[in-house]
N, C-alpha and C. Protein backbone atom coordinates (compact mmCIF):
# COMPACT_ATOMS: atom_id res chain seq x y z
N MET A 1 32.94 7.12 16.74
CA MET A 1 32.44 6.48 15.53
C MET A 1 30.92 6.58 15.72
N LYS A 2 30.33 6.84 14.57
CA LYS A 2 28.83 7.23 14.48
C LYS A 2 28.15 5.75 14.27
N ARG A 3 27.15 5.59 15.07
CA ARG A 3 26.39 4.35 15.03
C ARG A 3 25.18 4.52 14.05
N LYS A 4 24.95 3.46 13.26
CA LYS A 4 23.89 3.32 12.31
C LYS A 4 22.62 3.01 13.04
N LEU A 5 21.55 3.59 12.81
CA LEU A 5 20.34 3.33 13.42
C LEU A 5 19.85 1.99 12.96
N PHE A 6 19.75 1.76 11.63
CA PHE A 6 19.25 0.44 11.04
C PHE A 6 20.41 -0.32 10.50
N ALA A 7 21.28 -0.76 11.33
CA ALA A 7 22.44 -1.50 10.86
C ALA A 7 21.99 -3.03 10.67
N GLY A 8 22.66 -3.63 9.68
CA GLY A 8 22.48 -5.07 9.45
C GLY A 8 21.23 -5.40 8.54
N GLY A 9 20.76 -4.46 7.82
CA GLY A 9 19.56 -4.74 6.98
C GLY A 9 18.25 -5.02 7.76
N ARG A 10 18.14 -4.40 8.93
CA ARG A 10 16.93 -4.64 9.58
C ARG A 10 15.90 -3.54 9.42
N LYS A 11 16.04 -2.72 8.37
CA LYS A 11 15.18 -1.62 8.09
C LYS A 11 13.93 -2.11 7.53
N ALA A 12 13.95 -2.97 6.61
CA ALA A 12 12.74 -3.39 5.89
C ALA A 12 11.60 -3.94 6.87
N PRO A 13 11.96 -4.89 7.69
CA PRO A 13 10.91 -5.37 8.54
C PRO A 13 10.30 -4.31 9.42
N LEU A 14 11.05 -3.42 9.93
CA LEU A 14 10.66 -2.36 10.87
C LEU A 14 9.74 -1.42 9.99
N VAL A 15 10.22 -1.01 8.82
CA VAL A 15 9.28 -0.15 8.08
C VAL A 15 7.97 -0.75 7.66
N THR A 16 8.06 -2.03 7.42
CA THR A 16 6.84 -2.83 7.08
C THR A 16 5.86 -2.78 8.24
N LEU A 17 6.28 -3.14 9.41
CA LEU A 17 5.52 -3.22 10.53
C LEU A 17 4.92 -1.88 10.85
N MET A 18 5.70 -0.73 10.80
CA MET A 18 5.11 0.51 11.05
C MET A 18 4.07 0.92 10.01
N THR A 19 4.37 0.52 8.76
CA THR A 19 3.29 0.88 7.75
C THR A 19 2.05 0.06 7.94
N ILE A 20 2.18 -1.14 8.30
CA ILE A 20 0.91 -1.96 8.56
C ILE A 20 0.13 -1.42 9.77
N GLY A 21 0.95 -0.94 10.74
CA GLY A 21 0.32 -0.47 12.03
C GLY A 21 -0.41 0.88 11.68
N LEU A 22 0.25 1.79 10.87
CA LEU A 22 -0.37 3.10 10.65
C LEU A 22 -1.55 2.91 9.67
N VAL A 23 -1.50 1.91 8.76
CA VAL A 23 -2.69 1.67 7.87
C VAL A 23 -3.88 1.15 8.67
N LEU A 24 -3.64 0.01 9.49
CA LEU A 24 -4.65 -0.74 10.12
C LEU A 24 -5.17 0.11 11.41
N ALA A 25 -4.46 0.95 11.95
CA ALA A 25 -4.98 1.61 13.17
C ALA A 25 -6.31 2.26 13.01
N PRO A 26 -6.53 3.04 11.88
CA PRO A 26 -7.93 3.68 11.75
C PRO A 26 -8.94 2.73 11.58
N ALA A 27 -8.60 1.57 10.77
CA ALA A 27 -9.66 0.45 10.53
C ALA A 27 -10.02 -0.15 11.87
N LEU A 28 -8.98 -0.52 12.74
CA LEU A 28 -9.29 -1.16 13.95
C LEU A 28 -10.14 -0.30 14.86
N ALA A 29 -9.89 1.13 14.83
CA ALA A 29 -10.58 1.97 15.62
C ALA A 29 -12.13 1.98 15.14
N MET A 30 -12.22 2.09 13.74
CA MET A 30 -13.63 2.13 13.30
C MET A 30 -14.33 0.82 13.60
N ALA A 31 -13.61 -0.29 13.53
CA ALA A 31 -14.12 -1.66 13.72
C ALA A 31 -14.66 -1.77 15.28
N ALA A 32 -13.78 -1.28 16.03
CA ALA A 32 -14.22 -1.41 17.56
C ALA A 32 -15.37 -0.50 17.82
N THR A 33 -15.50 0.68 17.24
CA THR A 33 -16.64 1.53 17.44
C THR A 33 -17.93 0.87 16.85
N THR A 34 -17.76 0.23 15.62
CA THR A 34 -18.89 -0.37 15.05
C THR A 34 -19.27 -1.57 15.72
N SER A 35 -18.31 -2.44 16.11
CA SER A 35 -18.60 -3.60 16.96
C SER A 35 -19.29 -3.40 18.18
N ALA A 36 -18.82 -2.30 18.86
CA ALA A 36 -19.44 -1.97 20.19
C ALA A 36 -20.83 -1.55 20.02
N ALA A 37 -21.23 -0.79 18.97
CA ALA A 37 -22.41 -0.36 18.69
C ALA A 37 -23.42 -1.41 18.22
N SER A 38 -22.98 -2.24 17.41
CA SER A 38 -23.91 -3.20 16.71
C SER A 38 -23.70 -4.62 17.50
N GLY A 39 -22.73 -4.75 18.15
CA GLY A 39 -22.56 -6.17 19.00
C GLY A 39 -22.15 -7.21 18.13
N SER A 40 -21.70 -7.03 16.93
CA SER A 40 -21.23 -8.12 16.03
C SER A 40 -19.86 -7.89 15.58
N SER A 41 -19.11 -9.10 15.49
CA SER A 41 -17.69 -9.01 15.04
C SER A 41 -17.56 -8.89 13.57
N ALA A 42 -18.66 -9.31 12.90
CA ALA A 42 -18.70 -9.28 11.36
C ALA A 42 -18.40 -7.80 10.79
N ALA A 43 -18.90 -6.79 11.47
CA ALA A 43 -18.60 -5.49 10.98
C ALA A 43 -17.19 -5.14 11.20
N ALA A 44 -16.67 -5.52 12.32
CA ALA A 44 -15.24 -5.34 12.58
C ALA A 44 -14.43 -5.99 11.41
N ALA A 45 -14.64 -7.28 11.22
CA ALA A 45 -13.93 -7.92 10.18
C ALA A 45 -14.03 -7.31 8.79
N LYS A 46 -15.22 -6.70 8.53
CA LYS A 46 -15.45 -6.01 7.26
C LYS A 46 -14.49 -4.84 7.14
N TYR A 47 -14.46 -3.95 8.17
CA TYR A 47 -13.50 -2.80 8.08
C TYR A 47 -11.97 -3.19 8.10
N ILE A 48 -11.70 -4.24 8.76
CA ILE A 48 -10.28 -4.78 8.77
C ILE A 48 -9.86 -5.39 7.35
N GLY A 49 -10.82 -5.98 6.75
CA GLY A 49 -10.59 -6.56 5.41
C GLY A 49 -10.48 -5.52 4.37
N ALA A 50 -11.25 -4.38 4.50
CA ALA A 50 -11.18 -3.31 3.58
C ALA A 50 -9.93 -2.64 3.65
N ALA A 51 -9.45 -2.43 4.98
CA ALA A 51 -8.14 -1.76 5.15
C ALA A 51 -6.98 -2.60 4.70
N ALA A 52 -7.11 -3.93 4.82
CA ALA A 52 -6.02 -4.82 4.30
C ALA A 52 -6.02 -4.73 2.82
N ALA A 53 -7.09 -4.82 2.21
CA ALA A 53 -7.21 -4.71 0.76
C ALA A 53 -6.45 -3.47 0.16
N MET A 54 -6.87 -2.38 0.82
CA MET A 54 -6.23 -1.12 0.41
C MET A 54 -4.77 -0.98 0.71
N ALA A 55 -4.33 -1.50 1.85
CA ALA A 55 -2.86 -1.55 2.29
C ALA A 55 -2.10 -2.29 1.29
N VAL A 56 -2.50 -3.54 1.09
CA VAL A 56 -1.73 -4.51 0.22
C VAL A 56 -1.61 -3.80 -1.29
N SER A 57 -2.73 -3.35 -1.79
CA SER A 57 -2.70 -2.82 -3.13
C SER A 57 -1.73 -1.56 -3.24
N ALA A 58 -1.76 -0.77 -2.14
CA ALA A 58 -0.99 0.50 -2.21
C ALA A 58 0.60 0.17 -1.92
N LEU A 59 0.84 -0.78 -1.09
CA LEU A 59 2.19 -1.16 -0.95
C LEU A 59 2.85 -1.88 -2.12
N SER A 60 2.01 -2.68 -2.76
CA SER A 60 2.54 -3.37 -3.86
C SER A 60 2.66 -2.45 -5.11
N ALA A 61 1.87 -1.44 -5.25
CA ALA A 61 2.03 -0.46 -6.33
C ALA A 61 3.18 0.34 -6.01
N GLY A 62 3.48 0.76 -4.80
CA GLY A 62 4.68 1.50 -4.48
C GLY A 62 5.94 0.75 -4.79
N TYR A 63 5.96 -0.57 -4.53
CA TYR A 63 7.09 -1.35 -4.79
C TYR A 63 7.22 -1.43 -6.31
N ALA A 64 6.15 -1.68 -6.98
CA ALA A 64 6.31 -1.76 -8.47
C ALA A 64 6.80 -0.33 -9.16
N GLN A 65 6.33 0.76 -8.63
CA GLN A 65 6.81 2.02 -9.10
C GLN A 65 8.24 2.26 -8.81
N ALA A 66 8.64 1.79 -7.72
CA ALA A 66 10.07 1.98 -7.35
C ALA A 66 11.07 1.23 -8.25
N LYS A 67 10.54 0.00 -8.63
CA LYS A 67 11.49 -0.81 -9.44
C LYS A 67 11.33 -0.24 -10.98
N ILE A 68 10.20 0.17 -11.40
CA ILE A 68 10.08 0.69 -12.73
C ILE A 68 10.73 2.08 -12.88
N GLY A 69 10.68 2.83 -11.71
CA GLY A 69 11.31 4.22 -11.77
C GLY A 69 12.79 4.07 -11.95
N SER A 70 13.41 3.10 -11.13
CA SER A 70 14.85 3.09 -11.16
C SER A 70 15.30 2.54 -12.54
N ALA A 71 14.61 1.67 -13.08
CA ALA A 71 14.93 1.04 -14.43
C ALA A 71 14.78 2.19 -15.62
N ALA A 72 13.68 2.84 -15.37
CA ALA A 72 13.35 3.95 -16.31
C ALA A 72 14.40 5.02 -16.37
N ALA A 73 14.93 5.33 -15.19
CA ALA A 73 15.97 6.36 -15.12
C ALA A 73 17.17 6.10 -15.93
N GLY A 74 17.52 4.79 -15.75
CA GLY A 74 18.73 4.29 -16.48
C GLY A 74 18.45 4.23 -18.01
N THR A 75 17.29 3.77 -18.29
CA THR A 75 17.10 3.67 -19.85
C THR A 75 16.93 5.10 -20.36
N ILE A 76 16.20 6.08 -19.76
CA ILE A 76 16.18 7.42 -20.30
C ILE A 76 17.59 7.98 -20.49
N ALA A 77 18.44 7.71 -19.54
CA ALA A 77 19.89 8.21 -19.58
C ALA A 77 20.58 7.79 -20.91
N GLU A 78 20.25 6.49 -21.28
CA GLU A 78 20.85 5.92 -22.44
C GLU A 78 20.13 6.19 -23.75
N ARG A 79 18.82 6.16 -23.60
CA ARG A 79 18.05 6.30 -24.84
C ARG A 79 16.78 7.32 -24.56
N PRO A 80 16.96 8.60 -24.57
CA PRO A 80 15.92 9.58 -24.37
C PRO A 80 14.73 9.47 -25.23
N GLU A 81 14.79 8.76 -26.27
CA GLU A 81 13.47 8.76 -27.16
C GLU A 81 12.40 7.82 -26.39
N THR A 82 12.89 6.97 -25.38
CA THR A 82 11.92 6.06 -24.81
C THR A 82 11.15 6.65 -23.59
N ALA A 83 11.31 7.95 -23.39
CA ALA A 83 10.80 8.67 -22.16
C ALA A 83 9.31 8.49 -22.17
N THR A 84 8.65 8.71 -23.26
CA THR A 84 7.13 8.71 -23.18
C THR A 84 6.66 7.36 -22.82
N MET A 85 7.18 6.37 -23.41
CA MET A 85 6.69 5.00 -23.10
C MET A 85 7.01 4.64 -21.62
N LEU A 86 8.12 5.02 -21.10
CA LEU A 86 8.44 4.75 -19.75
C LEU A 86 7.63 5.49 -18.70
N ILE A 87 7.13 6.82 -19.10
CA ILE A 87 6.28 7.48 -18.24
C ILE A 87 4.99 6.74 -18.15
N VAL A 88 4.40 6.19 -19.27
CA VAL A 88 3.27 5.41 -19.18
C VAL A 88 3.42 4.19 -18.42
N LEU A 89 4.51 3.52 -18.42
CA LEU A 89 4.79 2.33 -17.63
C LEU A 89 4.86 2.70 -16.16
N GLN A 90 5.36 3.88 -15.84
CA GLN A 90 5.45 4.35 -14.54
C GLN A 90 4.00 4.54 -13.92
N ALA A 91 3.09 4.92 -14.77
CA ALA A 91 1.70 5.26 -14.34
C ALA A 91 0.85 3.92 -14.19
N LEU A 92 1.17 2.89 -14.86
CA LEU A 92 0.36 1.82 -14.80
C LEU A 92 0.09 1.11 -13.45
N PRO A 93 1.16 1.05 -12.46
CA PRO A 93 0.80 0.39 -11.25
C PRO A 93 -0.23 1.30 -10.35
N GLU A 94 -0.52 2.48 -10.81
CA GLU A 94 -1.58 3.11 -10.10
C GLU A 94 -2.98 2.43 -10.37
N ILE A 95 -3.09 1.68 -11.34
CA ILE A 95 -4.36 0.85 -11.53
C ILE A 95 -4.48 -0.14 -10.46
N ILE A 96 -3.37 -0.62 -9.96
CA ILE A 96 -3.48 -1.65 -8.69
C ILE A 96 -4.09 -0.86 -7.55
N VAL A 97 -3.70 0.35 -7.29
CA VAL A 97 -4.27 1.09 -6.20
C VAL A 97 -5.72 1.32 -6.47
N LEU A 98 -6.14 1.79 -7.65
CA LEU A 98 -7.61 1.87 -7.90
C LEU A 98 -8.42 0.80 -7.68
N LEU A 99 -7.94 -0.40 -8.10
CA LEU A 99 -8.49 -1.65 -7.94
C LEU A 99 -8.72 -2.02 -6.47
N GLY A 100 -7.72 -1.70 -5.69
CA GLY A 100 -7.68 -1.98 -4.18
C GLY A 100 -8.74 -1.03 -3.54
N PHE A 101 -8.84 0.24 -4.07
CA PHE A 101 -9.77 1.11 -3.47
C PHE A 101 -11.24 0.62 -3.72
N VAL A 102 -11.45 0.22 -5.07
CA VAL A 102 -12.78 -0.15 -5.44
C VAL A 102 -13.12 -1.44 -4.61
N THR A 103 -12.17 -2.39 -4.40
CA THR A 103 -12.36 -3.64 -3.67
C THR A 103 -12.78 -3.31 -2.22
N SER A 104 -12.03 -2.29 -1.66
CA SER A 104 -12.29 -1.93 -0.25
C SER A 104 -13.78 -1.27 -0.10
N LEU A 105 -14.08 -0.47 -1.22
CA LEU A 105 -15.43 0.10 -1.13
C LEU A 105 -16.50 -0.97 -1.25
N LEU A 106 -16.30 -1.96 -2.10
CA LEU A 106 -17.18 -3.15 -2.21
C LEU A 106 -17.38 -3.86 -0.92
N ILE A 107 -16.31 -4.02 -0.29
CA ILE A 107 -16.32 -4.81 1.02
C ILE A 107 -17.13 -4.04 2.16
N VAL A 108 -16.83 -2.82 2.17
CA VAL A 108 -17.56 -2.00 3.20
C VAL A 108 -19.02 -1.87 2.84
N SER A 109 -19.32 -1.74 1.55
CA SER A 109 -20.79 -1.52 1.31
C SER A 109 -21.54 -2.79 1.25
N ALA A 110 -20.97 -3.80 1.25
CA ALA A 110 -21.66 -5.22 1.24
C ALA A 110 -22.40 -5.36 2.53
N SER A 111 -23.63 -5.81 2.44
CA SER A 111 -24.40 -6.00 3.69
C SER A 111 -24.35 -7.39 4.32
């Protein structure tokens, strides 16, 4: 019998932890370098905050696009004339990512 790797619904927390680790690792490395050079932990907190702002906005936009995409596929199958509107709705969560990017730039550039 073949064993499932992620049995029992334990896949989501593992994927979430891996994603957070991959997103925050460069920020922590940059923060450690900056903190060692300048001697303050404020610079480290700045980079970690910028990484968190970008990570949360990207993950939430991905979640929204997944939900919209699955609903749009069913709707287009039943009513093909709604395809243009649903493509626009699929693109709207990207604004969340852009706002997260701008926020992270503002956090890093603040003195």
